[in-house]
N, C-alpha and C. Protein backbone atom coordinates (compact mmCIF):
# COMPACT_ATOMS: atom_id res chain seq x y z
N MET A 1 19.61 11.72 -138.28
CA MET A 1 18.44 11.84 -137.41
C MET A 1 17.19 12.06 -138.26
N GLY A 2 16.17 11.27 -138.04
CA GLY A 2 14.96 11.39 -138.85
C GLY A 2 13.87 12.15 -138.13
N PHE A 3 13.02 12.72 -138.89
CA PHE A 3 11.88 13.45 -138.34
C PHE A 3 10.60 12.79 -138.84
N GLY A 4 9.62 12.64 -137.93
CA GLY A 4 8.35 12.05 -138.32
C GLY A 4 7.56 13.00 -139.21
N GLN A 5 6.93 12.44 -140.19
CA GLN A 5 6.10 13.26 -141.07
C GLN A 5 4.78 13.59 -140.38
N PRO A 6 4.33 14.84 -140.48
CA PRO A 6 3.04 15.17 -139.87
C PRO A 6 1.92 14.37 -140.51
N LYS A 7 1.00 13.95 -139.66
CA LYS A 7 -0.12 13.15 -140.14
C LYS A 7 -1.13 14.03 -140.85
N ASN A 8 -1.58 13.60 -142.01
CA ASN A 8 -2.56 14.36 -142.77
C ASN A 8 -3.97 13.87 -142.45
N TYR A 9 -4.88 14.81 -142.30
CA TYR A 9 -6.27 14.49 -142.06
C TYR A 9 -7.11 15.00 -143.21
N LYS A 10 -8.08 14.22 -143.59
CA LYS A 10 -8.96 14.61 -144.69
C LYS A 10 -10.17 15.35 -144.13
N ILE A 11 -10.31 16.61 -144.54
CA ILE A 11 -11.47 17.40 -144.15
C ILE A 11 -12.59 17.14 -145.16
N VAL A 12 -13.73 16.75 -144.66
CA VAL A 12 -14.84 16.36 -145.53
C VAL A 12 -15.96 17.40 -145.43
N ASN A 13 -16.38 17.90 -146.57
CA ASN A 13 -17.50 18.83 -146.62
C ASN A 13 -18.75 18.10 -147.10
N GLY A 14 -19.88 18.44 -146.53
CA GLY A 14 -21.12 17.78 -146.92
C GLY A 14 -22.28 18.76 -146.99
N ILE A 15 -23.24 18.44 -147.84
CA ILE A 15 -24.47 19.21 -147.96
C ILE A 15 -25.63 18.31 -147.56
N GLY A 16 -26.51 18.83 -146.73
CA GLY A 16 -27.66 18.04 -146.31
C GLY A 16 -28.96 18.81 -146.45
N ILE A 17 -30.05 18.08 -146.64
CA ILE A 17 -31.39 18.66 -146.61
C ILE A 17 -32.19 17.90 -145.57
N TYR A 18 -33.07 18.61 -144.88
CA TYR A 18 -33.81 17.95 -143.81
C TYR A 18 -35.21 18.53 -143.69
N GLY A 19 -36.04 17.77 -143.02
CA GLY A 19 -37.42 18.20 -142.78
C GLY A 19 -37.99 17.47 -141.59
N GLY A 20 -39.04 18.04 -141.03
CA GLY A 20 -39.65 17.40 -139.88
C GLY A 20 -40.73 18.26 -139.25
N LEU A 21 -40.95 18.05 -137.96
CA LEU A 21 -42.03 18.68 -137.22
C LEU A 21 -41.49 19.66 -136.20
N THR A 22 -42.29 20.69 -135.91
CA THR A 22 -41.95 21.64 -134.86
C THR A 22 -43.06 21.67 -133.82
N GLN A 23 -42.68 22.10 -132.63
CA GLN A 23 -43.66 22.41 -131.58
C GLN A 23 -43.31 23.79 -131.06
N TYR A 24 -44.26 24.71 -131.11
CA TYR A 24 -43.97 26.13 -130.92
C TYR A 24 -44.80 26.72 -129.78
N ASP A 25 -44.16 27.64 -129.04
CA ASP A 25 -44.87 28.36 -127.98
C ASP A 25 -44.17 29.70 -127.78
N ILE A 26 -44.86 30.63 -127.14
CA ILE A 26 -44.25 31.88 -126.69
C ILE A 26 -44.45 31.93 -125.19
N VAL A 27 -43.35 31.95 -124.44
CA VAL A 27 -43.39 31.94 -122.98
C VAL A 27 -43.68 33.36 -122.51
N THR A 28 -44.83 33.56 -121.86
CA THR A 28 -45.26 34.91 -121.48
C THR A 28 -46.18 34.85 -120.28
N ASP A 29 -46.21 35.94 -119.50
CA ASP A 29 -47.17 36.09 -118.41
C ASP A 29 -48.39 36.89 -118.85
N ASN A 30 -48.35 37.45 -120.04
CA ASN A 30 -49.46 38.28 -120.51
C ASN A 30 -50.65 37.47 -121.01
N PHE A 31 -50.36 36.38 -121.70
CA PHE A 31 -51.41 35.58 -122.32
C PHE A 31 -51.34 34.14 -121.83
N THR A 32 -52.47 33.45 -121.94
CA THR A 32 -52.50 32.00 -121.74
C THR A 32 -52.31 31.35 -123.10
N THR A 33 -51.22 30.61 -123.26
CA THR A 33 -50.89 30.06 -124.57
C THR A 33 -50.95 28.53 -124.55
N LYS A 34 -51.05 27.97 -125.73
CA LYS A 34 -51.03 26.51 -125.91
C LYS A 34 -50.10 26.20 -127.07
N LYS A 35 -49.07 25.41 -126.80
CA LYS A 35 -48.14 25.03 -127.87
C LYS A 35 -48.85 24.15 -128.90
N ASP A 36 -48.38 24.26 -130.15
CA ASP A 36 -49.01 23.48 -131.21
C ASP A 36 -47.95 23.05 -132.21
N ASN A 37 -48.34 22.18 -133.13
CA ASN A 37 -47.37 21.57 -134.05
C ASN A 37 -47.33 22.30 -135.39
N GLY A 38 -46.16 22.24 -136.04
CA GLY A 38 -45.97 22.79 -137.37
C GLY A 38 -44.97 21.94 -138.13
N TRP A 39 -44.37 22.53 -139.17
CA TRP A 39 -43.40 21.79 -139.97
C TRP A 39 -42.17 22.65 -140.25
N MET A 40 -41.08 21.99 -140.61
CA MET A 40 -39.82 22.67 -140.90
C MET A 40 -39.12 22.01 -142.08
N LEU A 41 -38.48 22.82 -142.92
CA LEU A 41 -37.58 22.37 -143.98
C LEU A 41 -36.28 23.15 -143.85
N GLY A 42 -35.15 22.48 -144.16
CA GLY A 42 -33.88 23.18 -144.03
C GLY A 42 -32.78 22.57 -144.88
N ALA A 43 -31.66 23.28 -144.92
CA ALA A 43 -30.46 22.82 -145.62
C ALA A 43 -29.26 23.13 -144.76
N SER A 44 -28.24 22.29 -144.87
CA SER A 44 -27.06 22.41 -144.01
C SER A 44 -25.79 22.17 -144.82
N ALA A 45 -24.77 22.97 -144.55
CA ALA A 45 -23.43 22.76 -145.11
C ALA A 45 -22.50 22.45 -143.95
N THR A 46 -21.95 21.23 -143.93
CA THR A 46 -21.17 20.74 -142.79
C THR A 46 -19.71 20.57 -143.16
N VAL A 47 -18.83 20.94 -142.23
CA VAL A 47 -17.40 20.68 -142.36
C VAL A 47 -17.02 19.65 -141.30
N ASP A 48 -16.63 18.45 -141.75
CA ASP A 48 -16.24 17.36 -140.85
C ASP A 48 -14.74 17.46 -140.59
N LEU A 49 -14.38 17.64 -139.31
CA LEU A 49 -12.97 17.83 -138.92
C LEU A 49 -12.51 16.60 -138.15
N PRO A 50 -11.89 15.61 -138.81
CA PRO A 50 -11.56 14.34 -138.15
C PRO A 50 -10.60 14.49 -136.97
N ASN A 51 -9.71 15.48 -136.99
CA ASN A 51 -8.72 15.63 -135.93
C ASN A 51 -9.19 16.55 -134.81
N LYS A 52 -10.44 16.98 -134.84
CA LYS A 52 -10.99 17.85 -133.81
C LYS A 52 -12.08 17.13 -133.03
N TRP A 53 -12.42 17.70 -131.88
CA TRP A 53 -13.48 17.13 -131.05
C TRP A 53 -14.85 17.69 -131.43
N TYR A 54 -14.88 18.42 -132.53
CA TYR A 54 -16.14 19.00 -132.98
C TYR A 54 -16.14 19.13 -134.50
N ASN A 55 -17.33 19.24 -135.08
CA ASN A 55 -17.54 19.63 -136.46
C ASN A 55 -18.28 20.97 -136.47
N MET A 56 -18.37 21.60 -137.64
CA MET A 56 -19.08 22.86 -137.77
C MET A 56 -20.06 22.78 -138.93
N SER A 57 -21.14 23.55 -138.83
CA SER A 57 -22.09 23.61 -139.94
C SER A 57 -22.78 24.96 -139.99
N TYR A 58 -23.18 25.32 -141.19
CA TYR A 58 -24.05 26.46 -141.42
C TYR A 58 -25.40 25.91 -141.84
N THR A 59 -26.47 26.44 -141.28
CA THR A 59 -27.80 25.95 -141.63
C THR A 59 -28.74 27.11 -141.95
N ILE A 60 -29.70 26.82 -142.79
CA ILE A 60 -30.81 27.73 -143.04
C ILE A 60 -32.08 26.90 -142.99
N GLN A 61 -33.08 27.39 -142.27
CA GLN A 61 -34.30 26.60 -142.13
C GLN A 61 -35.54 27.51 -142.12
N LEU A 62 -36.60 26.97 -142.70
CA LEU A 62 -37.89 27.65 -142.79
C LEU A 62 -38.93 26.81 -142.08
N ALA A 63 -39.82 27.46 -141.35
CA ALA A 63 -40.83 26.70 -140.60
C ALA A 63 -42.15 27.45 -140.59
N GLU A 64 -43.21 26.67 -140.61
CA GLU A 64 -44.56 27.19 -140.34
C GLU A 64 -44.97 26.66 -138.97
N ASN A 65 -45.14 27.56 -138.02
CA ASN A 65 -45.42 27.19 -136.65
C ASN A 65 -46.83 27.62 -136.25
N HIS A 66 -47.36 26.94 -135.23
CA HIS A 66 -48.72 27.24 -134.76
C HIS A 66 -48.73 27.29 -133.24
N LEU A 67 -49.56 28.18 -132.69
CA LEU A 67 -49.81 28.20 -131.25
C LEU A 67 -51.21 28.74 -131.01
N GLY A 68 -51.73 28.47 -129.82
CA GLY A 68 -53.05 28.97 -129.44
C GLY A 68 -52.93 30.00 -128.33
N ILE A 69 -53.81 31.00 -128.36
CA ILE A 69 -53.88 32.02 -127.31
C ILE A 69 -55.33 32.08 -126.83
N ALA A 70 -55.51 32.02 -125.51
CA ALA A 70 -56.86 31.98 -124.94
C ALA A 70 -57.60 33.29 -125.17
N ALA A 71 -58.87 33.17 -125.57
CA ALA A 71 -59.70 34.35 -125.83
C ALA A 71 -61.17 33.96 -125.68
N LYS A 72 -62.04 34.98 -125.73
CA LYS A 72 -63.48 34.76 -125.59
C LYS A 72 -64.22 35.43 -126.75
N PRO A 73 -65.27 34.78 -127.27
CA PRO A 73 -66.08 35.43 -128.32
C PRO A 73 -66.72 36.73 -127.82
N VAL A 74 -67.23 36.70 -126.59
CA VAL A 74 -67.73 37.89 -125.90
C VAL A 74 -67.21 37.83 -124.47
N LEU A 75 -67.23 38.97 -123.79
CA LEU A 75 -66.55 39.06 -122.50
C LEU A 75 -67.09 38.07 -121.47
N LEU A 76 -68.38 37.76 -121.50
CA LEU A 76 -68.97 36.91 -120.48
C LEU A 76 -69.03 35.44 -120.88
N SER A 77 -68.43 35.07 -121.99
CA SER A 77 -68.45 33.69 -122.45
C SER A 77 -67.24 32.92 -121.93
N ASN A 78 -67.21 31.62 -122.19
CA ASN A 78 -66.09 30.79 -121.78
C ASN A 78 -64.88 31.00 -122.69
N GLU A 79 -63.71 30.80 -122.12
CA GLU A 79 -62.48 30.94 -122.90
C GLU A 79 -62.29 29.75 -123.84
N GLU A 80 -61.69 30.02 -124.99
CA GLU A 80 -61.25 28.99 -125.91
C GLU A 80 -59.95 29.46 -126.55
N PHE A 81 -59.25 28.56 -127.19
CA PHE A 81 -57.97 28.93 -127.79
C PHE A 81 -58.17 29.36 -129.24
N VAL A 82 -57.67 30.57 -129.53
CA VAL A 82 -57.64 31.07 -130.90
C VAL A 82 -56.31 30.65 -131.51
N ASP A 83 -56.36 30.02 -132.67
CA ASP A 83 -55.15 29.48 -133.29
C ASP A 83 -54.49 30.52 -134.20
N PHE A 84 -53.17 30.67 -133.99
CA PHE A 84 -52.36 31.58 -134.80
C PHE A 84 -51.28 30.80 -135.54
N LYS A 85 -50.87 31.34 -136.66
CA LYS A 85 -49.75 30.79 -137.44
C LYS A 85 -48.64 31.82 -137.49
N ILE A 86 -47.37 31.36 -137.42
CA ILE A 86 -46.23 32.26 -137.56
C ILE A 86 -45.16 31.57 -138.41
N LEU A 87 -44.70 32.25 -139.44
CA LEU A 87 -43.65 31.73 -140.32
C LEU A 87 -42.30 32.24 -139.83
N THR A 88 -41.30 31.36 -139.77
CA THR A 88 -39.96 31.75 -139.32
C THR A 88 -38.92 31.31 -140.34
N ALA A 89 -37.90 32.15 -140.51
CA ALA A 89 -36.72 31.84 -141.32
C ALA A 89 -35.50 32.05 -140.43
N GLN A 90 -34.66 31.04 -140.33
CA GLN A 90 -33.53 31.08 -139.40
C GLN A 90 -32.24 30.67 -140.09
N ILE A 91 -31.14 31.36 -139.76
CA ILE A 91 -29.81 30.94 -140.18
C ILE A 91 -28.96 30.75 -138.94
N ALA A 92 -28.10 29.73 -138.96
CA ALA A 92 -27.36 29.39 -137.75
C ALA A 92 -25.94 28.94 -138.09
N LEU A 93 -25.05 29.16 -137.14
CA LEU A 93 -23.71 28.59 -137.14
C LEU A 93 -23.64 27.66 -135.95
N LEU A 94 -23.49 26.36 -136.21
CA LEU A 94 -23.57 25.36 -135.15
C LEU A 94 -22.25 24.62 -134.99
N MET A 95 -21.91 24.37 -133.72
CA MET A 95 -20.81 23.49 -133.38
C MET A 95 -21.39 22.13 -132.98
N HIS A 96 -20.82 21.06 -133.53
CA HIS A 96 -21.30 19.70 -133.24
C HIS A 96 -20.24 18.98 -132.41
N VAL A 97 -20.46 18.92 -131.10
CA VAL A 97 -19.51 18.31 -130.18
C VAL A 97 -19.66 16.79 -130.27
N LYS A 98 -18.55 16.10 -130.56
CA LYS A 98 -18.59 14.66 -130.81
C LYS A 98 -18.63 13.88 -129.49
N LEU A 99 -19.72 13.18 -129.27
CA LEU A 99 -19.82 12.29 -128.11
C LEU A 99 -19.33 10.89 -128.47
N ILE A 100 -19.78 10.38 -129.61
CA ILE A 100 -19.29 9.10 -130.15
C ILE A 100 -18.87 9.39 -131.58
N GLU A 101 -17.63 9.86 -131.73
CA GLU A 101 -17.12 10.33 -133.02
C GLU A 101 -18.16 11.25 -133.65
N SER A 102 -18.49 11.03 -134.93
CA SER A 102 -19.52 11.86 -135.56
C SER A 102 -20.89 11.18 -135.55
N PHE A 103 -20.98 10.00 -134.90
CA PHE A 103 -22.24 9.26 -134.90
C PHE A 103 -23.26 9.87 -133.94
N LEU A 104 -22.79 10.50 -132.86
CA LEU A 104 -23.67 11.14 -131.89
C LEU A 104 -23.03 12.45 -131.46
N THR A 105 -23.73 13.56 -131.66
CA THR A 105 -23.17 14.87 -131.35
C THR A 105 -24.17 15.72 -130.58
N ILE A 106 -23.62 16.63 -129.77
CA ILE A 106 -24.39 17.73 -129.20
C ILE A 106 -24.21 18.93 -130.11
N ASP A 107 -25.31 19.53 -130.52
CA ASP A 107 -25.29 20.63 -131.48
C ASP A 107 -25.67 21.93 -130.76
N VAL A 108 -24.81 22.93 -130.83
CA VAL A 108 -25.06 24.17 -130.09
C VAL A 108 -24.54 25.36 -130.89
N GLY A 109 -25.26 26.47 -130.81
CA GLY A 109 -24.78 27.66 -131.50
C GLY A 109 -25.83 28.76 -131.58
N PRO A 110 -25.42 29.92 -132.10
CA PRO A 110 -26.33 31.06 -132.24
C PRO A 110 -27.13 30.99 -133.54
N MET A 111 -28.21 31.73 -133.55
CA MET A 111 -29.12 31.71 -134.69
C MET A 111 -29.76 33.09 -134.85
N LEU A 112 -29.86 33.55 -136.08
CA LEU A 112 -30.59 34.78 -136.39
C LEU A 112 -31.92 34.41 -137.03
N GLN A 113 -32.96 35.15 -136.67
CA GLN A 113 -34.31 34.79 -137.12
C GLN A 113 -35.07 36.00 -137.65
N TYR A 114 -35.75 35.78 -138.75
CA TYR A 114 -36.78 36.72 -139.23
C TYR A 114 -38.10 35.96 -139.25
N ASN A 115 -39.13 36.59 -138.74
CA ASN A 115 -40.44 35.92 -138.72
C ASN A 115 -41.53 36.87 -139.19
N GLY A 116 -42.63 36.27 -139.62
CA GLY A 116 -43.79 37.04 -140.01
C GLY A 116 -44.60 37.47 -138.80
N GLN A 117 -45.74 38.07 -139.07
CA GLN A 117 -46.67 38.45 -138.01
C GLN A 117 -47.47 37.23 -137.57
N LEU A 118 -48.15 37.37 -136.45
CA LEU A 118 -49.10 36.34 -136.03
C LEU A 118 -50.31 36.40 -136.97
N GLU A 119 -50.60 35.29 -137.62
CA GLU A 119 -51.73 35.24 -138.55
C GLU A 119 -52.82 34.35 -137.96
N LEU A 120 -54.02 34.85 -137.94
CA LEU A 120 -55.15 34.07 -137.45
C LEU A 120 -55.48 32.95 -138.42
N ASP A 121 -55.63 31.73 -137.90
CA ASP A 121 -56.06 30.62 -138.75
C ASP A 121 -57.50 30.82 -139.22
N ASP A 122 -58.32 31.40 -138.35
CA ASP A 122 -59.73 31.63 -138.66
C ASP A 122 -60.01 33.13 -138.53
N LYS A 123 -60.19 33.81 -139.66
CA LYS A 123 -60.42 35.25 -139.65
C LYS A 123 -61.68 35.63 -138.89
N ASN A 124 -62.60 34.70 -138.73
CA ASN A 124 -63.84 34.98 -138.00
C ASN A 124 -63.60 35.18 -136.50
N GLN A 125 -62.38 34.86 -136.04
CA GLN A 125 -62.07 35.01 -134.61
C GLN A 125 -61.28 36.29 -134.31
N GLU A 126 -61.13 37.17 -135.29
CA GLU A 126 -60.28 38.35 -135.08
C GLU A 126 -60.83 39.32 -134.04
N ASN A 127 -62.14 39.27 -133.77
CA ASN A 127 -62.74 40.16 -132.77
C ASN A 127 -62.90 39.50 -131.40
N TYR A 128 -62.36 38.30 -131.23
CA TYR A 128 -62.39 37.65 -129.92
C TYR A 128 -61.59 38.49 -128.93
N PHE A 129 -62.03 38.50 -127.68
CA PHE A 129 -61.35 39.26 -126.63
C PHE A 129 -60.30 38.38 -125.95
N ILE A 130 -59.07 38.86 -125.91
CA ILE A 130 -57.98 38.10 -125.33
C ILE A 130 -58.19 37.93 -123.83
N ALA A 131 -58.00 36.72 -123.32
CA ALA A 131 -58.16 36.44 -121.89
C ALA A 131 -57.25 37.34 -121.06
N ASN A 132 -57.76 37.79 -119.92
CA ASN A 132 -57.07 38.68 -118.97
C ASN A 132 -57.16 40.15 -119.36
N TYR A 133 -57.82 40.46 -120.48
CA TYR A 133 -57.98 41.85 -120.91
C TYR A 133 -59.46 42.14 -121.17
N THR A 134 -59.83 43.41 -121.01
CA THR A 134 -61.23 43.79 -121.19
C THR A 134 -61.56 44.11 -122.65
N ASN A 135 -60.67 44.84 -123.31
CA ASN A 135 -60.97 45.32 -124.66
C ASN A 135 -59.99 44.84 -125.73
N LEU A 136 -58.91 44.18 -125.34
CA LEU A 136 -57.89 43.74 -126.30
C LEU A 136 -58.42 42.57 -127.12
N GLN A 137 -58.35 42.70 -128.44
CA GLN A 137 -58.89 41.67 -129.32
C GLN A 137 -57.78 40.93 -130.06
N ALA A 138 -58.14 39.77 -130.61
CA ALA A 138 -57.14 38.93 -131.28
C ALA A 138 -56.45 39.68 -132.42
N LYS A 139 -57.18 40.51 -133.14
CA LYS A 139 -56.58 41.26 -134.26
C LYS A 139 -55.57 42.30 -133.80
N ASP A 140 -55.63 42.68 -132.50
CA ASP A 140 -54.74 43.73 -131.98
C ASP A 140 -53.34 43.22 -131.67
N ILE A 141 -53.14 41.91 -131.59
CA ILE A 141 -51.83 41.39 -131.14
C ILE A 141 -51.05 40.73 -132.28
N ARG A 142 -51.46 40.97 -133.51
CA ARG A 142 -50.81 40.30 -134.64
C ARG A 142 -49.44 40.88 -134.96
N GLU A 143 -49.24 42.18 -134.73
CA GLU A 143 -48.00 42.83 -135.14
C GLU A 143 -46.91 42.67 -134.08
N ILE A 144 -46.26 41.54 -134.11
CA ILE A 144 -45.18 41.25 -133.16
C ILE A 144 -43.84 41.65 -133.76
N SER A 145 -42.79 41.62 -132.95
CA SER A 145 -41.45 41.91 -133.44
C SER A 145 -41.03 40.84 -134.44
N GLN A 146 -40.33 41.26 -135.50
CA GLN A 146 -40.04 40.33 -136.60
C GLN A 146 -38.58 39.93 -136.69
N PHE A 147 -37.75 40.33 -135.75
CA PHE A 147 -36.35 39.92 -135.72
C PHE A 147 -36.04 39.34 -134.35
N ASN A 148 -35.26 38.27 -134.33
CA ASN A 148 -34.89 37.66 -133.06
C ASN A 148 -33.47 37.10 -133.14
N VAL A 149 -32.85 37.02 -131.97
CA VAL A 149 -31.56 36.34 -131.82
C VAL A 149 -31.82 35.13 -130.94
N ASP A 150 -31.57 33.94 -131.49
CA ASP A 150 -31.90 32.69 -130.81
C ASP A 150 -30.64 31.96 -130.36
N GLY A 151 -30.83 31.10 -129.38
CA GLY A 151 -29.83 30.11 -129.02
C GLY A 151 -30.38 28.73 -129.30
N ALA A 152 -29.58 27.86 -129.89
CA ALA A 152 -30.04 26.53 -130.26
C ALA A 152 -29.15 25.47 -129.61
N ILE A 153 -29.78 24.41 -129.11
CA ILE A 153 -29.04 23.27 -128.57
C ILE A 153 -29.82 22.01 -128.91
N GLY A 154 -29.09 20.94 -129.23
CA GLY A 154 -29.79 19.72 -129.60
C GLY A 154 -28.85 18.53 -129.70
N LEU A 155 -29.41 17.43 -130.19
CA LEU A 155 -28.67 16.18 -130.39
C LEU A 155 -28.88 15.71 -131.83
N SER A 156 -27.82 15.14 -132.40
CA SER A 156 -27.90 14.50 -133.71
C SER A 156 -27.33 13.10 -133.61
N ALA A 157 -27.97 12.15 -134.28
CA ALA A 157 -27.48 10.77 -134.27
C ALA A 157 -27.67 10.18 -135.66
N GLY A 158 -26.66 9.40 -136.10
CA GLY A 158 -26.78 8.76 -137.39
C GLY A 158 -25.44 8.53 -138.05
N PHE A 159 -25.48 8.33 -139.36
CA PHE A 159 -24.29 8.01 -140.13
C PHE A 159 -24.04 9.11 -141.16
N SER A 160 -23.12 8.87 -142.06
CA SER A 160 -22.68 9.93 -142.96
C SER A 160 -23.80 10.47 -143.85
N HIS A 161 -24.72 9.60 -144.27
CA HIS A 161 -25.74 10.04 -145.22
C HIS A 161 -27.14 10.19 -144.63
N PHE A 162 -27.32 9.85 -143.35
CA PHE A 162 -28.65 9.96 -142.74
C PHE A 162 -28.50 10.23 -141.25
N ARG A 163 -29.22 11.25 -140.78
CA ARG A 163 -29.16 11.60 -139.36
C ARG A 163 -30.55 12.00 -138.87
N LEU A 164 -30.81 11.71 -137.59
CA LEU A 164 -31.98 12.19 -136.89
C LEU A 164 -31.55 13.30 -135.94
N LYS A 165 -32.35 14.38 -135.89
CA LYS A 165 -31.95 15.56 -135.13
C LYS A 165 -33.10 16.02 -134.23
N ALA A 166 -32.76 16.40 -133.01
CA ALA A 166 -33.70 17.05 -132.10
C ALA A 166 -33.07 18.36 -131.65
N GLN A 167 -33.82 19.44 -131.70
CA GLN A 167 -33.25 20.76 -131.45
C GLN A 167 -34.23 21.61 -130.64
N TYR A 168 -33.69 22.32 -129.63
CA TYR A 168 -34.48 23.30 -128.88
C TYR A 168 -33.95 24.69 -129.22
N ILE A 169 -34.86 25.61 -129.54
CA ILE A 169 -34.50 26.96 -129.95
C ILE A 169 -35.22 27.95 -129.04
N TYR A 170 -34.45 28.83 -128.40
CA TYR A 170 -35.01 29.83 -127.49
C TYR A 170 -34.71 31.22 -128.03
N GLY A 171 -35.72 32.08 -128.06
CA GLY A 171 -35.54 33.44 -128.54
C GLY A 171 -35.19 34.38 -127.40
N PHE A 172 -34.04 35.03 -127.50
CA PHE A 172 -33.57 35.90 -126.42
C PHE A 172 -34.27 37.26 -126.41
N LEU A 173 -34.76 37.72 -127.56
CA LEU A 173 -35.39 39.03 -127.63
C LEU A 173 -36.89 38.92 -127.36
N ASN A 174 -37.48 40.05 -126.98
CA ASN A 174 -38.89 40.12 -126.63
C ASN A 174 -39.76 40.07 -127.88
N THR A 175 -40.42 38.95 -128.10
CA THR A 175 -41.28 38.78 -129.27
C THR A 175 -42.43 39.79 -129.28
N PHE A 176 -42.90 40.18 -128.11
CA PHE A 176 -44.06 41.07 -128.01
C PHE A 176 -43.68 42.54 -127.84
N ASN A 177 -42.44 42.89 -128.08
CA ASN A 177 -42.00 44.26 -127.82
C ASN A 177 -42.81 45.29 -128.62
N LYS A 178 -43.18 44.96 -129.86
CA LYS A 178 -43.93 45.90 -130.69
C LYS A 178 -45.34 46.15 -130.18
N LEU A 179 -45.82 45.30 -129.27
CA LEU A 179 -47.15 45.51 -128.71
C LEU A 179 -47.15 46.58 -127.63
N ASN A 180 -45.98 46.99 -127.17
CA ASN A 180 -45.90 48.02 -126.13
C ASN A 180 -46.12 49.40 -126.73
N ASP A 181 -47.32 49.58 -127.22
CA ASP A 181 -47.76 50.82 -127.87
C ASP A 181 -48.76 51.51 -126.95
N PRO A 182 -48.52 52.78 -126.61
CA PRO A 182 -49.44 53.46 -125.69
C PRO A 182 -50.87 53.54 -126.19
N ASP A 183 -51.08 53.36 -127.50
CA ASP A 183 -52.43 53.42 -128.05
C ASP A 183 -53.19 52.10 -127.94
N LEU A 184 -52.49 51.03 -127.52
CA LEU A 184 -53.14 49.73 -127.40
C LEU A 184 -53.89 49.67 -126.07
N ASP A 185 -55.14 49.28 -126.11
CA ASP A 185 -56.00 49.26 -124.92
C ASP A 185 -55.68 48.02 -124.08
N GLN A 186 -55.03 48.24 -122.93
CA GLN A 186 -54.66 47.14 -122.04
C GLN A 186 -55.51 47.09 -120.79
N THR A 187 -56.71 47.62 -120.85
CA THR A 187 -57.59 47.62 -119.69
C THR A 187 -57.74 46.20 -119.14
N GLY A 188 -57.53 46.08 -117.82
CA GLY A 188 -57.61 44.78 -117.17
C GLY A 188 -56.27 44.17 -116.86
N ASN A 189 -55.23 44.56 -117.61
CA ASN A 189 -53.89 44.00 -117.40
C ASN A 189 -52.87 44.97 -118.01
N PRO A 190 -52.54 46.04 -117.30
CA PRO A 190 -51.75 47.12 -117.89
C PRO A 190 -50.24 46.89 -117.93
N GLY A 191 -49.76 45.73 -117.54
CA GLY A 191 -48.32 45.47 -117.50
C GLY A 191 -47.68 45.44 -118.88
N LYS A 192 -46.37 45.54 -118.90
CA LYS A 192 -45.61 45.52 -120.16
C LYS A 192 -45.75 44.15 -120.85
N PHE A 193 -45.87 44.19 -122.17
CA PHE A 193 -45.91 42.94 -122.93
C PHE A 193 -44.50 42.37 -123.05
N LYS A 194 -44.37 41.09 -122.73
CA LYS A 194 -43.08 40.42 -122.85
C LYS A 194 -43.30 38.95 -123.12
N GLY A 195 -42.58 38.42 -124.10
CA GLY A 195 -42.68 37.00 -124.41
C GLY A 195 -41.44 36.53 -125.14
N ASN A 196 -41.05 35.30 -124.88
CA ASN A 196 -39.87 34.72 -125.51
C ASN A 196 -40.24 33.43 -126.23
N GLN A 197 -39.78 33.33 -127.45
CA GLN A 197 -40.06 32.15 -128.28
C GLN A 197 -39.44 30.89 -127.69
N SER A 198 -40.21 29.81 -127.71
CA SER A 198 -39.73 28.49 -127.28
C SER A 198 -40.14 27.49 -128.36
N MET A 199 -39.17 26.82 -128.95
CA MET A 199 -39.44 26.01 -130.14
C MET A 199 -38.67 24.71 -130.10
N LEU A 200 -39.35 23.61 -130.38
CA LEU A 200 -38.72 22.30 -130.54
C LEU A 200 -38.83 21.88 -132.00
N ALA A 201 -37.77 21.25 -132.50
CA ALA A 201 -37.79 20.75 -133.88
C ALA A 201 -37.25 19.33 -133.89
N PHE A 202 -37.97 18.44 -134.55
CA PHE A 202 -37.56 17.04 -134.71
C PHE A 202 -37.49 16.77 -136.21
N THR A 203 -36.28 16.50 -136.71
CA THR A 203 -36.09 16.41 -138.16
C THR A 203 -35.24 15.20 -138.52
N ALA A 204 -35.32 14.82 -139.79
CA ALA A 204 -34.46 13.79 -140.38
C ALA A 204 -33.71 14.43 -141.54
N MET A 205 -32.39 14.14 -141.64
CA MET A 205 -31.55 14.78 -142.65
C MET A 205 -30.88 13.75 -143.54
N ILE A 206 -30.88 14.03 -144.83
CA ILE A 206 -30.15 13.24 -145.82
C ILE A 206 -28.98 14.09 -146.32
N SER A 207 -27.77 13.52 -146.33
CA SER A 207 -26.56 14.25 -146.72
C SER A 207 -25.99 13.69 -148.02
N PHE A 208 -25.28 14.56 -148.73
CA PHE A 208 -24.68 14.19 -150.01
C PHE A 208 -23.17 14.45 -149.97
């Protein structure tokens, strides 16, 4: 009586580098915001599992993001958007669900993030008054929370050495939690500060 030999599968490991554009916003009821564009660079280590319905990867990515927050030069003037910059560093463990083998995948997984403070693009606007507040100025809202836990979902399409990726990243923690300081003047809008990061990334990746 013979026994069939188990089929062997070749597990393929790959390293990729990628770059592209981001679109960043903070979803909040406290401020009037405007999403803006930035850039992203990253690296990925992928494990290709031919006998599974998914692949796995570890990624690290750095981005410079931009957004606008409505403010006024003086209280009785018209509103305009003050531009801020925020740097983010993210590490993720992603599952790549195979829709058409490895050529088209849904990418989903958790992500840890460290980010810098909100930096004014134009230092001359630091005394602008934030819309919906009487005395709160642009310089007062720079010190945001610097750690976040994100969820990421996206699509990847391409071949072994080149892929196009679209990814949505949502921050589960309150980005504005550090602003809930009793010494901060919230005259005009005394509610709790709360905001969640919303980020799109469109990148191209080369693998080795």
